Amino acid sequence: MSKPLTDSDVKQLLRLDVVDDIINGRISYSPEFRAEAVQRWQNGETPQEIFRSKGLDPALIGRKRIERCMSRWTEGLTRKTVRRVKTKSSRPTYQDLKKQVQKMKLENVMLKVKVEQLQAVLDAMENRKR
């Protein structure tokens, strides 16, 4: 278990754009950061490098906490189907649908980030032609 965050730690973290909230020691990160982190991880960066680049010191947050975040964020991206809980009607549960919506929102943000990156590359290429 990671060490508890002090009031000073919480204030420091809440000043960062990538931190949405901290409740009972649990840090909520912005959807944009989660999407960017997953994309950068897929491109070969380590989770610690990604977090550190955004001002999130692994010594403060905890390396295990960072690893668990990345694991949760990437877990849904590797599956193509929604896991369904077997019920009499074979319908997905509310929780399954809620998880699917969260994953789709994260994927949507990731795609928006990718489009922005590709647009920047395209703009740069067009500027070189001039």
Protein backbone atom coordinates (compact mmCIF):
# COMPACT_ATOMS: atom_id res chain seq x y z
CA MET A 1 0.00 0.00 0.00
CA SER A 2 1.32 3.44 -0.86
CA LYS A 3 1.98 6.00 1.83
CA PRO A 4 -0.90 8.34 2.65
CA LEU A 5 -0.85 11.71 0.93
CA THR A 6 -0.28 14.70 3.19
CA ASP A 7 -2.33 17.90 2.88
CA SER A 8 0.70 19.49 1.24
CA ASP A 9 0.91 16.62 -1.28
CA VAL A 10 -2.80 16.94 -2.11
CA LYS A 11 -2.49 20.71 -2.67
CA GLN A 12 0.55 20.18 -4.89
CA LEU A 13 -1.20 17.52 -6.97
CA LEU A 14 -4.45 19.48 -7.33
CA ARG A 15 -2.51 22.35 -8.95
CA LEU A 16 -1.71 20.06 -11.88
CA ASP A 17 -4.04 20.07 -14.91
CA VAL A 18 -3.90 16.28 -15.15
CA VAL A 19 -5.40 15.74 -11.67
CA ASP A 20 -9.18 16.13 -11.52
CA ASP A 21 -9.72 15.37 -7.84
CA ILE A 22 -8.37 13.57 -4.79
CA ILE A 23 -10.87 11.95 -2.45
CA ASN A 24 -9.83 9.77 0.48
CA GLY A 25 -6.34 9.45 -0.97
CA ARG A 26 -7.64 8.31 -4.36
CA ILE A 27 -6.38 10.40 -7.26
CA SER A 28 -8.69 10.98 -10.23
CA TYR A 29 -6.89 11.91 -13.43
CA SER A 30 -8.33 13.86 -16.35
CA PRO A 31 -9.64 11.82 -19.30
CA GLU A 32 -7.22 13.67 -21.60
CA PHE A 33 -4.25 12.63 -19.47
CA ARG A 34 -5.42 9.02 -19.29
CA ALA A 35 -5.79 8.90 -23.08
CA GLU A 36 -2.40 10.54 -23.64
CA ALA A 37 -0.75 8.23 -21.11
CA VAL A 38 -2.12 5.12 -22.80
CA GLN A 39 -1.05 6.36 -26.21
CA ARG A 40 2.46 7.24 -25.03
CA TRP A 41 2.73 3.86 -23.26
CA GLN A 42 1.72 2.13 -26.50
CA ASN A 43 4.51 4.10 -28.22
CA GLY A 44 7.09 2.67 -25.80
CA GLU A 45 7.39 5.16 -22.93
CA THR A 46 7.40 3.84 -19.39
CA PRO A 47 4.55 4.77 -17.07
CA GLN A 48 7.00 6.52 -14.72
CA GLU A 49 8.33 8.68 -17.58
CA ILE A 50 4.80 9.63 -18.60
CA PHE A 51 3.70 10.58 -15.10
CA ARG A 52 6.97 12.40 -14.34
CA SER A 53 6.64 14.48 -17.54
CA LYS A 54 3.32 15.84 -16.24
CA GLY A 55 4.71 16.76 -12.81
CA LEU A 56 3.54 13.59 -11.09
CA ASP A 57 6.56 12.39 -9.12
CA PRO A 58 6.58 8.58 -8.80
CA ALA A 59 8.20 8.95 -5.37
CA LEU A 60 5.17 10.96 -4.22
CA ILE A 61 2.44 8.98 -5.93
CA GLY A 62 4.02 5.56 -5.67
CA ARG A 63 5.34 3.39 -8.47
CA LYS A 64 2.81 0.63 -7.81
CA ARG A 65 -0.06 3.12 -7.97
CA ILE A 66 1.20 4.32 -11.36
CA GLU A 67 1.51 0.75 -12.65
CA ARG A 68 -2.02 -0.09 -11.47
CA CYS A 69 -3.41 3.04 -13.17
CA MET A 70 -1.82 2.13 -16.49
CA SER A 71 -3.01 -1.43 -16.14
CA ARG A 72 -6.61 -0.32 -15.55
CA TRP A 73 -6.51 2.23 -18.36
CA THR A 74 -5.10 -0.19 -20.94
CA GLU A 75 -7.13 -3.23 -19.87
CA GLY A 76 -10.25 -2.31 -21.81
CA LEU A 77 -8.38 -1.28 -24.93
CA THR A 78 -7.08 -4.76 -25.59
CA ARG A 79 -10.54 -6.33 -25.58
CA LYS A 80 -12.84 -5.96 -28.55
CA THR A 81 -16.06 -7.08 -26.89
CA VAL A 82 -17.91 -6.18 -23.76
CA ARG A 83 -17.80 -8.82 -21.07
CA ARG A 84 -21.29 -9.88 -20.24
CA VAL A 85 -22.51 -11.36 -17.01
CA LYS A 86 -24.64 -14.39 -17.74
CA THR A 87 -28.20 -13.67 -16.72
CA LYS A 88 -31.48 -15.33 -17.62
CA SER A 89 -32.00 -12.81 -20.43
CA SER A 90 -28.28 -12.68 -21.42
CA ARG A 91 -28.41 -8.89 -21.18
CA PRO A 92 -25.39 -6.93 -20.00
CA THR A 93 -25.71 -5.49 -16.52
CA TYR A 94 -25.81 -1.79 -15.76
CA GLN A 95 -22.23 -1.99 -14.48
CA ASP A 96 -21.07 -3.64 -17.72
CA LEU A 97 -22.68 -0.90 -19.79
CA LYS A 98 -21.27 1.81 -17.54
CA LYS A 99 -17.76 0.35 -17.93
CA GLN A 100 -18.21 0.14 -21.69
CA VAL A 101 -19.26 3.81 -21.85
CA GLN A 102 -16.22 4.83 -19.78
CA LYS A 103 -13.91 2.86 -22.07
CA MET A 104 -15.52 4.36 -25.16
CA LYS A 105 -15.12 7.88 -23.75
CA LEU A 106 -11.43 7.18 -23.11
CA GLU A 107 -11.00 5.78 -26.62
CA ASN A 108 -12.78 8.85 -28.02
CA VAL A 109 -10.41 11.20 -26.20
CA MET A 110 -7.44 9.13 -27.42
CA LEU A 111 -8.66 9.42 -31.00
CA LYS A 112 -9.08 13.19 -30.64
CA VAL A 113 -5.50 13.46 -29.38
CA LYS A 114 -4.29 11.36 -32.31
CA VAL A 115 -6.20 13.54 -34.80
CA GLU A 116 -4.61 16.65 -33.30
CA GLN A 117 -1.15 15.09 -33.58
CA LEU A 118 -1.73 14.05 -37.19
CA GLN A 119 -3.11 17.50 -38.03
CA ALA A 120 0.05 19.08 -36.57
CA VAL A 121 2.22 16.80 -38.71
CA LEU A 122 0.15 17.60 -41.79
CA ASP A 123 0.39 21.34 -41.07
CA ALA A 124 4.15 21.05 -40.66
CA MET A 125 4.44 19.18 -43.97
CA GLU A 126 2.35 21.81 -45.74
CA ASN A 127 4.48 24.61 -44.29
CA ARG A 128 7.63 22.91 -45.62
CA LYS A 129 6.17 22.81 -49.12
CA ARG A 130 5.76 26.60 -49.13
